Amino acid sequence: MFDVSDEYARARPVAPPARTAAFQVRGRFLTVLTLRIDSGIADDRFHAQLEEQLGRTPQFFSGAPVVLDLAQAPETADLDRIRALLDKLRQQGLQVFGVQNGDGFDPAALRDLGLIAVNTGRDAPLPRRSGPAQPAAPARPAETKVIRSPVRSGQMIVAEQGDLTVIGSVASGAELIAAGNIHVYGTLRGRAMAGCHGNENAHIFCQSLDAELVAIAGLYQTSESLDDAARQRCTHIYLENEKLRMEVIA
């Protein structure tokens, strides 16, 4: 007896197995520290002050990636000096991976030192279009990201464009990052970094300040250096003359 269904099954082409991607490319915010040398050269005074800072806040620097900024230290932009500086910094546990404002370094020589040149992104002008000018697209209003629950230790909450509001407390070990302002309607015990794209007009507000770190546009203070008058108080934090100010609200 001839079974048509069996014959059809044998003749039907077999579909190839489904392919799944072996990798994904994603953007992610990371806390990268910039170590700017303001003394012109990394001398004994520089190393003494850095050692003191590392002793006060070891948890802040532990495992954090570091970029060397040589804008104020052109004398240090020498391979032999950089090599000696790297040896000392890495012995202290700093994970230095890049150099900023180090004009003239050979990329191959930097690679030999385990470094890359970090581009600040402000060197090239915007391209000009030929022809009549096009009307500018309307600016999109910055969105506020609202978290309606406490932020647990180990969580990182990021508002890439606007403000970040947390209705609840922020535990020690948690991290808040916002392009704009940060509002915490509860106790702030973790880290809060406002103005992450360089907005010096950003602010941080919290009902009770007990933070491990607060920062605006990259300028920060750790728990050891917070104003005593602001601890466990409703506080407004802002930037003035390149210094963090803490104003008790109530």
C-alpha atoms as a PDB file:
ATOM      1  CA  MET A   1       0.000   0.000   0.000  1.00  0.00           C
ATOM      2  CA  PHE A   2       1.410   3.432  -1.023  1.00  0.00           C
ATOM      3  CA  ASP A   3       1.299   6.132   1.710  1.00  0.00           C
ATOM      4  CA  VAL A   4       1.245   9.600   0.102  1.00  0.00           C
ATOM      5  CA  SER A   5       1.966  11.357   3.414  1.00  0.00           C
ATOM      6  CA  ASP A   6       5.201   9.393   3.931  1.00  0.00           C
ATOM      7  CA  GLU A   7       6.369  10.163   0.408  1.00  0.00           C
ATOM      8  CA  TYR A   8       5.604  13.879   0.891  1.00  0.00           C
ATOM      9  CA  ALA A   9       7.531  13.970   4.181  1.00  0.00           C
ATOM     10  CA  ARG A  10      10.600  12.457   2.485  1.00  0.00           C
ATOM     11  CA  ALA A  11      10.463  14.921  -0.413  1.00  0.00           C
ATOM     12  CA  ARG A  12       9.888  18.037   1.684  1.00  0.00           C
ATOM     13  CA  PRO A  13      13.089  20.079   2.197  1.00  0.00           C
ATOM     14  CA  VAL A  14      14.352  20.220   5.745  1.00  0.00           C
ATOM     15  CA  ALA A  15      14.455  23.771   7.163  1.00  0.00           C
ATOM     16  CA  PRO A  16      17.894  24.860   8.383  1.00  0.00           C
ATOM     17  CA  PRO A  17      18.256  25.273  12.125  1.00  0.00           C
ATOM     18  CA  ALA A  18      17.451  28.744  13.414  1.00  0.00           C
ATOM     19  CA  ARG A  19      20.506  30.923  13.947  1.00  0.00           C
ATOM     20  CA  THR A  20      20.930  32.882  17.141  1.00  0.00           C
ATOM     21  CA  ALA A  21      23.266  35.842  17.530  1.00  0.00           C
ATOM     22  CA  ALA A  22      26.506  34.988  19.315  1.00  0.00           C
ATOM     23  CA  PHE A  23      26.896  38.484  20.781  1.00  0.00           C
ATOM     24  CA  GLN A  24      25.127  41.763  21.500  1.00  0.00           C
ATOM     25  CA  VAL A  25      26.428  45.312  21.367  1.00  0.00           C
ATOM     26  CA  ARG A  26      24.996  47.557  24.055  1.00  0.00           C
ATOM     27  CA  GLY A  27      25.792  50.958  25.519  1.00  0.00           C
ATOM     28  CA  ARG A  28      26.211  51.203  29.269  1.00  0.00           C
ATOM     29  CA  PHE A  29      27.049  53.933  31.765  1.00  0.00           C
ATOM     30  CA  LEU A  30      30.171  53.200  33.781  1.00  0.00           C
ATOM     31  CA  THR A  31      31.758  55.222  36.552  1.00  0.00           C
ATOM     32  CA  VAL A  32      35.106  56.289  35.103  1.00  0.00           C
ATOM     33  CA  LEU A  33      37.370  58.459  37.228  1.00  0.00           C
ATOM     34  CA  THR A  34      39.511  61.172  35.671  1.00  0.00           C
ATOM     35  CA  LEU A  35      42.733  61.882  37.542  1.00  0.00           C
ATOM     36  CA  ARG A  36      43.848  65.370  36.497  1.00  0.00           C
ATOM     37  CA  ILE A  37      47.398  66.324  37.433  1.00  0.00           C
ATOM     38  CA  ASP A  38      47.256  69.985  38.442  1.00  0.00           C
ATOM     39  CA  SER A  39      50.809  70.274  39.789  1.00  0.00           C
ATOM     40  CA  GLY A  40      52.430  70.365  36.345  1.00  0.00           C
ATOM     41  CA  ILE A  41      54.254  67.121  37.024  1.00  0.00           C
ATOM     42  CA  ALA A  42      53.541  64.063  39.168  1.00  0.00           C
ATOM     43  CA  ASP A  43      56.034  64.967  41.881  1.00  0.00           C
ATOM     44  CA  ASP A  44      56.348  63.933  45.532  1.00  0.00           C
ATOM     45  CA  ARG A  45      53.618  66.389  46.568  1.00  0.00           C
ATOM     46  CA  PHE A  46      51.215  64.837  44.048  1.00  0.00           C
ATOM     47  CA  HIS A  47      51.894  61.307  45.260  1.00  0.00           C
ATOM     48  CA  ALA A  48      51.632  62.305  48.931  1.00  0.00           C
ATOM     49  CA  GLN A  49      48.221  63.940  48.433  1.00  0.00           C
ATOM     50  CA  LEU A  50      46.992  61.023  46.315  1.00  0.00           C
ATOM     51  CA  GLU A  51      48.100  58.532  48.961  1.00  0.00           C
ATOM     52  CA  GLU A  52      46.214  60.540  51.582  1.00  0.00           C
ATOM     53  CA  GLN A  53      43.053  60.552  49.433  1.00  0.00           C
ATOM     54  CA  LEU A  54      43.300  56.807  48.805  1.00  0.00           C
ATOM     55  CA  GLY A  55      43.592  56.243  52.529  1.00  0.00           C
ATOM     56  CA  ARG A  56      40.451  58.290  53.233  1.00  0.00           C
ATOM     57  CA  THR A  57      38.230  56.737  50.570  1.00  0.00           C
ATOM     58  CA  PRO A  58      39.638  53.367  49.481  1.00  0.00           C
ATOM     59  CA  GLN A  59      36.202  51.992  48.568  1.00  0.00           C
ATOM     60  CA  PHE A  60      35.645  54.764  46.024  1.00  0.00           C
ATOM     61  CA  PHE A  61      38.776  53.970  44.016  1.00  0.00           C
ATOM     62  CA  SER A  62      38.694  50.190  44.429  1.00  0.00           C
ATOM     63  CA  GLY A  63      38.364  48.599  40.982  1.00  0.00           C
ATOM     64  CA  ALA A  64      37.274  51.848  39.290  1.00  0.00           C
ATOM     65  CA  PRO A  65      38.668  52.509  35.775  1.00  0.00           C
ATOM     66  CA  VAL A  66      40.853  55.629  35.663  1.00  0.00           C
ATOM     67  CA  VAL A  67      41.828  58.057  32.886  1.00  0.00           C
ATOM     68  CA  LEU A  68      44.873  60.323  33.264  1.00  0.00           C
ATOM     69  CA  ASP A  69      44.153  63.936  32.241  1.00  0.00           C
ATOM     70  CA  LEU A  70      47.341  65.770  31.242  1.00  0.00           C
ATOM     71  CA  ALA A  71      45.726  69.101  30.276  1.00  0.00           C
ATOM     72  CA  GLN A  72      47.449  70.878  33.199  1.00  0.00           C
ATOM     73  CA  ALA A  73      50.611  68.757  33.116  1.00  0.00           C
ATOM     74  CA  PRO A  74      52.271  68.971  29.690  1.00  0.00           C
ATOM     75  CA  GLU A  75      55.630  68.145  31.319  1.00  0.00           C
ATOM     76  CA  THR A  76      54.263  64.721  32.184  1.00  0.00           C
ATOM     77  CA  ALA A  77      53.439  63.956  28.534  1.00  0.00           C
ATOM     78  CA  ASP A  78      56.643  61.964  28.137  1.00  0.00           C
ATOM     79  CA  LEU A  79      56.701  58.182  27.742  1.00  0.00           C
ATOM     80  CA  ASP A  80      59.371  57.597  30.391  1.00  0.00           C
ATOM     81  CA  ARG A  81      57.538  59.773  32.921  1.00  0.00           C
ATOM     82  CA  ILE A  82      54.192  58.171  32.066  1.00  0.00           C
ATOM     83  CA  ARG A  83      55.705  54.699  32.454  1.00  0.00           C
ATOM     84  CA  ALA A  84      57.074  55.529  35.916  1.00  0.00           C
ATOM     85  CA  LEU A  85      53.779  57.165  36.926  1.00  0.00           C
ATOM     86  CA  LEU A  86      51.763  54.165  35.762  1.00  0.00           C
ATOM     87  CA  ASP A  87      53.916  51.794  37.783  1.00  0.00           C
ATOM     88  CA  LYS A  88      53.233  53.773  40.957  1.00  0.00           C
ATOM     89  CA  LEU A  89      49.511  54.216  40.310  1.00  0.00           C
ATOM     90  CA  ARG A  90      48.949  50.554  39.495  1.00  0.00           C
ATOM     91  CA  GLN A  91      50.898  49.501  42.582  1.00  0.00           C
ATOM     92  CA  GLN A  92      48.379  51.607  44.538  1.00  0.00           C
ATOM     93  CA  GLY A  93      45.536  49.642  42.959  1.00  0.00           C
ATOM     94  CA  LEU A  94      44.359  52.229  40.408  1.00  0.00           C
ATOM     95  CA  GLN A  95      43.090  50.677  37.166  1.00  0.00           C
ATOM     96  CA  VAL A  96      44.515  53.201  34.686  1.00  0.00           C
ATOM     97  CA  PHE A  97      43.465  52.444  31.113  1.00  0.00           C
ATOM     98  CA  GLY A  98      43.562  55.733  29.197  1.00  0.00           C
ATOM     99  CA  VAL A  99      45.177  59.137  28.672  1.00  0.00           C
ATOM    100  CA  GLN A 100      43.300  62.351  27.936  1.00  0.00           C
ATOM    101  CA  ASN A 101      44.808  65.564  26.513  1.00  0.00           C
ATOM    102  CA  GLY A 102      48.094  63.776  25.870  1.00  0.00           C
ATOM    103  CA  ASP A 103      48.858  65.234  22.438  1.00  0.00           C
ATOM    104  CA  GLY A 104      51.706  63.702  20.475  1.00  0.00           C
ATOM    105  CA  PHE A 105      51.684  60.199  21.969  1.00  0.00           C
ATOM    106  CA  ASP A 106      52.297  57.411  19.502  1.00  0.00           C
ATOM    107  CA  PRO A 107      49.293  55.022  19.648  1.00  0.00           C
ATOM    108  CA  ALA A 108      51.607  51.988  19.403  1.00  0.00           C
ATOM    109  CA  ALA A 109      53.666  53.234  22.362  1.00  0.00           C
ATOM    110  CA  LEU A 110      50.498  53.772  24.388  1.00  0.00           C
ATOM    111  CA  ARG A 111      49.344  50.236  23.619  1.00  0.00           C
ATOM    112  CA  ASP A 112      52.661  48.906  24.926  1.00  0.00           C
ATOM    113  CA  LEU A 113      51.835  50.649  28.214  1.00  0.00           C
ATOM    114  CA  GLY A 114      48.309  49.205  28.277  1.00  0.00           C
ATOM    115  CA  LEU A 115      46.736  52.592  27.522  1.00  0.00           C
ATOM    116  CA  ILE A 116      44.445  54.136  24.944  1.00  0.00           C
ATOM    117  CA  ALA A 117      43.998  57.765  23.935  1.00  0.00           C
ATOM    118  CA  VAL A 118      40.616  58.997  25.195  1.00  0.00           C
ATOM    119  CA  ASN A 119      39.009  61.502  22.845  1.00  0.00           C
ATOM    120  CA  THR A 120      37.019  64.237  24.577  1.00  0.00           C
ATOM    121  CA  GLY A 121      34.859  64.614  21.463  1.00  0.00           C
ATOM    122  CA  ARG A 122      35.323  68.386  21.137  1.00  0.00           C
ATOM    123  CA  ASP A 123      38.162  68.582  18.607  1.00  0.00           C
ATOM    124  CA  ALA A 124      36.299  68.418  15.290  1.00  0.00           C
ATOM    125  CA  PRO A 125      33.784  71.066  14.130  1.00  0.00           C
ATOM    126  CA  LEU A 126      30.343  69.978  13.002  1.00  0.00           C
ATOM    127  CA  PRO A 127      30.122  69.342   9.234  1.00  0.00           C
ATOM    128  CA  ARG A 128      28.494  72.074   7.120  1.00  0.00           C
ATOM    129  CA  ARG A 129      25.857  71.211   4.556  1.00  0.00           C
ATOM    130  CA  SER A 130      25.883  72.880   1.169  1.00  0.00           C
ATOM    131  CA  GLY A 131      22.716  74.534  -0.095  1.00  0.00           C
ATOM    132  CA  PRO A 132      20.003  76.424   1.728  1.00  0.00           C
ATOM    133  CA  ALA A 133      19.881  76.129   5.476  1.00  0.00           C
ATOM    134  CA  GLN A 134      17.411  73.611   6.812  1.00  0.00           C
ATOM    135  CA  PRO A 135      15.065  74.567   9.651  1.00  0.00           C
ATOM    136  CA  ALA A 136      16.204  73.165  12.970  1.00  0.00           C
ATOM    137  CA  ALA A 137      14.215  70.269  14.330  1.00  0.00           C
ATOM    138  CA  PRO A 138      12.261  71.131  17.471  1.00  0.00           C
ATOM    139  CA  ALA A 139      14.096  70.136  20.604  1.00  0.00           C
ATOM    140  CA  ARG A 140      12.625  67.195  22.451  1.00  0.00           C
ATOM    141  CA  PRO A 141      11.776  67.973  26.046  1.00  0.00           C
ATOM    142  CA  ALA A 142      13.977  66.137  28.518  1.00  0.00           C
ATOM    143  CA  GLU A 143      12.143  63.262  30.115  1.00  0.00           C
ATOM    144  CA  THR A 144      12.043  62.686  33.858  1.00  0.00           C
ATOM    145  CA  LYS A 145      12.612  59.111  34.945  1.00  0.00           C
ATOM    146  CA  VAL A 146      10.565  58.184  38.021  1.00  0.00           C
ATOM    147  CA  ILE A 147      11.334  55.163  40.216  1.00  0.00           C
ATOM    148  CA  ARG A 148       8.409  54.372  42.518  1.00  0.00           C
ATOM    149  CA  SER A 149      10.192  51.962  44.844  1.00  0.00           C
ATOM    150  CA  PRO A 150      13.322  51.903  47.014  1.00  0.00           C
ATOM    151  CA  VAL A 151      16.608  51.349  45.175  1.00  0.00           C
ATOM    152  CA  ARG A 152      18.409  48.277  46.496  1.00  0.00           C
ATOM    153  CA  SER A 153      22.139  47.783  46.993  1.00  0.00           C
ATOM    154  CA  GLY A 154      23.864  46.889  43.736  1.00  0.00           C
ATOM    155  CA  GLN A 155      21.252  48.569  41.521  1.00  0.00           C
ATOM    156  CA  MET A 156      22.240  51.265  39.026  1.00  0.00           C
ATOM    157  CA  ILE A 157      19.487  53.634  37.847  1.00  0.00           C
ATOM    158  CA  VAL A 158      20.313  55.877  34.875  1.00  0.00           C
ATOM    159  CA  ALA A 159      18.415  58.839  33.374  1.00  0.00           C
ATOM    160  CA  GLU A 160      20.360  59.450  30.180  1.00  0.00           C
ATOM    161  CA  GLN A 161      18.548  62.627  29.077  1.00  0.00           C
ATOM    162  CA  GLY A 162      16.621  64.282  31.911  1.00  0.00           C
ATOM    163  CA  ASP A 163      16.034  64.225  35.648  1.00  0.00           C
ATOM    164  CA  LEU A 164      15.823  61.197  37.922  1.00  0.00           C
ATOM    165  CA  THR A 165      13.279  61.009  40.744  1.00  0.00           C
ATOM    166  CA  VAL A 166      13.231  58.211  43.312  1.00  0.00           C
ATOM    167  CA  ILE A 167      10.133  57.889  45.502  1.00  0.00           C
ATOM    168  CA  GLY A 168      11.793  55.941  48.274  1.00  0.00           C
ATOM    169  CA  SER A 169      15.201  55.442  49.848  1.00  0.00           C
ATOM    170  CA  VAL A 170      18.483  54.584  48.128  1.00  0.00           C
ATOM    171  CA  ALA A 171      20.469  51.840  49.832  1.00  0.00           C
ATOM    172  CA  SER A 172      24.215  51.776  50.394  1.00  0.00           C
ATOM    173  CA  GLY A 173      25.901  50.294  47.324  1.00  0.00           C
ATOM    174  CA  ALA A 174      23.245  51.618  44.915  1.00  0.00           C
ATOM    175  CA  GLU A 175      24.029  54.174  42.223  1.00  0.00           C
ATOM    176  CA  LEU A 176      21.965  56.983  40.681  1.00  0.00           C
ATOM    177  CA  ILE A 177      23.156  58.672  37.466  1.00  0.00           C
ATOM    178  CA  ALA A 178      21.312  61.469  35.677  1.00  0.00           C
ATOM    179  CA  ALA A 179      21.994  63.955  32.919  1.00  0.00           C
ATOM    180  CA  GLY A 180      19.871  66.464  34.857  1.00  0.00           C
ATOM    181  CA  ASN A 181      18.800  66.748  38.484  1.00  0.00           C
ATOM    182  CA  ILE A 182      18.354  63.964  41.031  1.00  0.00           C
ATOM    183  CA  HIS A 183      15.473  63.965  43.546  1.00  0.00           C
ATOM    184  CA  VAL A 184      15.308  61.374  46.329  1.00  0.00           C
ATOM    185  CA  TYR A 185      12.152  61.326  48.456  1.00  0.00           C
ATOM    186  CA  GLY A 186      13.766  59.266  51.172  1.00  0.00           C
ATOM    187  CA  THR A 187      17.229  58.610  52.616  1.00  0.00           C
ATOM    188  CA  LEU A 188      20.135  58.781  50.176  1.00  0.00           C
ATOM    189  CA  ARG A 189      22.774  56.260  51.317  1.00  0.00           C
ATOM    190  CA  GLY A 190      24.328  55.218  48.002  1.00  0.00           C
ATOM    191  CA  ARG A 191      25.932  57.271  45.240  1.00  0.00           C
ATOM    192  CA  ALA A 192      24.212  60.089  43.356  1.00  0.00           C
ATOM    193  CA  MET A 193      25.818  61.632  40.256  1.00  0.00           C
ATOM    194  CA  ALA A 194      23.877  64.461  38.612  1.00  0.00           C
ATOM    195  CA  GLY A 195      24.874  66.343  35.454  1.00  0.00           C
ATOM    196  CA  CYS A 196      26.695  63.256  34.172  1.00  0.00           C
ATOM    197  CA  HIS A 197      27.211  64.822  30.711  1.00  0.00           C
ATOM    198  CA  GLY A 198      28.860  67.909  32.214  1.00  0.00           C
ATOM    199  CA  ASN A 199      25.807  69.966  33.185  1.00  0.00           C
ATOM    200  CA  GLU A 200      27.142  72.190  35.962  1.00  0.00           C
ATOM    201  CA  ASN A 201      23.652  73.561  36.640  1.00  0.00           C
ATOM    202  CA  ALA A 202      22.336  70.204  37.827  1.00  0.00           C
ATOM    203  CA  HIS A 203      21.172  69.771  41.439  1.00  0.00           C
ATOM    204  CA  ILE A 204      20.679  66.946  43.937  1.00  0.00           C
ATOM    205  CA  PHE A 205      17.813  66.991  46.452  1.00  0.00           C
ATOM    206  CA  CYS A 206      17.187  64.400  49.157  1.00  0.00           C
ATOM    207  CA  GLN A 207      15.066  64.161  52.286  1.00  0.00           C
ATOM    208  CA  SER A 208      17.922  62.716  54.339  1.00  0.00           C
ATOM    209  CA  LEU A 209      21.590  62.841  53.342  1.00  0.00           C
ATOM    210  CA  ASP A 210      23.756  59.870  54.315  1.00  0.00           C
ATOM    211  CA  ALA A 211      25.433  59.279  50.955  1.00  0.00           C
ATOM    212  CA  GLU A 212      28.582  57.382  50.087  1.00  0.00           C
ATOM    213  CA  LEU A 213      29.216  59.887  47.293  1.00  0.00           C
ATOM    214  CA  VAL A 214      27.518  62.872  45.671  1.00  0.00           C
ATOM    215  CA  ALA A 215      28.732  64.421  42.424  1.00  0.00           C
ATOM    216  CA  ILE A 216      27.697  67.115  39.967  1.00  0.00           C
ATOM    217  CA  ALA A 217      29.373  67.338  36.549  1.00  0.00           C
ATOM    218  CA  GLY A 218      32.177  65.101  37.806  1.00  0.00           C
ATOM    219  CA  LEU A 219      33.014  67.077  40.958  1.00  0.00           C
ATOM    220  CA  TYR A 220      32.320  64.920  43.981  1.00  0.00           C
ATOM    221  CA  GLN A 221      32.459  64.549  47.741  1.00  0.00           C
ATOM    222  CA  THR A 222      32.508  61.270  49.612  1.00  0.00           C
ATOM    223  CA  SER A 223      30.877  60.371  52.902  1.00  0.00           C
ATOM    224  CA  GLU A 224      34.008  61.352  54.837  1.00  0.00           C
ATOM    225  CA  SER A 225      33.895  64.943  53.542  1.00  0.00           C
ATOM    226  CA  LEU A 226      30.154  65.685  53.654  1.00  0.00           C
ATOM    227  CA  ASP A 227      29.124  68.751  55.660  1.00  0.00           C
ATOM    228  CA  ASP A 228      28.275  67.605  59.175  1.00  0.00           C
ATOM    229  CA  ALA A 229      25.404  70.098  59.338  1.00  0.00           C
ATOM    230  CA  ALA A 230      23.763  68.408  56.342  1.00  0.00           C
ATOM    231  CA  ARG A 231      24.014  64.806  57.495  1.00  0.00           C
ATOM    232  CA  GLN A 232      20.639  63.101  57.888  1.00  0.00           C
ATOM    233  CA  ARG A 233      18.918  66.364  56.953  1.00  0.00           C
ATOM    234  CA  CYS A 234      16.799  67.421  54.002  1.00  0.00           C
ATOM    235  CA  THR A 235      19.516  68.807  51.721  1.00  0.00           C
ATOM    236  CA  HIS A 236      19.996  70.667  48.446  1.00  0.00           C
ATOM    237  CA  ILE A 237      23.363  70.060  46.734  1.00  0.00           C
ATOM    238  CA  TYR A 238      24.600  72.282  43.907  1.00  0.00           C
ATOM    239  CA  LEU A 239      27.787  73.514  42.249  1.00  0.00           C
ATOM    240  CA  GLU A 240      29.217  76.974  42.865  1.00  0.00           C
ATOM    241  CA  ASN A 241      32.655  78.183  41.786  1.00  0.00           C
ATOM    242  CA  GLU A 242      33.731  74.584  41.061  1.00  0.00           C
ATOM    243  CA  LYS A 243      32.847  73.484  44.597  1.00  0.00           C
ATOM    244  CA  LEU A 244      29.952  71.429  45.879  1.00  0.00           C
ATOM    245  CA  ARG A 245      27.669  73.353  48.225  1.00  0.00           C
ATOM    246  CA  MET A 246      25.229  71.698  50.622  1.00  0.00           C
ATOM    247  CA  GLU A 247      22.238  73.678  51.792  1.00  0.00           C
ATOM    248  CA  VAL A 248      19.977  72.313  54.510  1.00  0.00           C
ATOM    249  CA  ILE A 249      16.344  72.827  53.498  1.00  0.00           C
ATOM    250  CA  ALA A 250      14.658  71.745  56.728  1.00  0.00           C
END
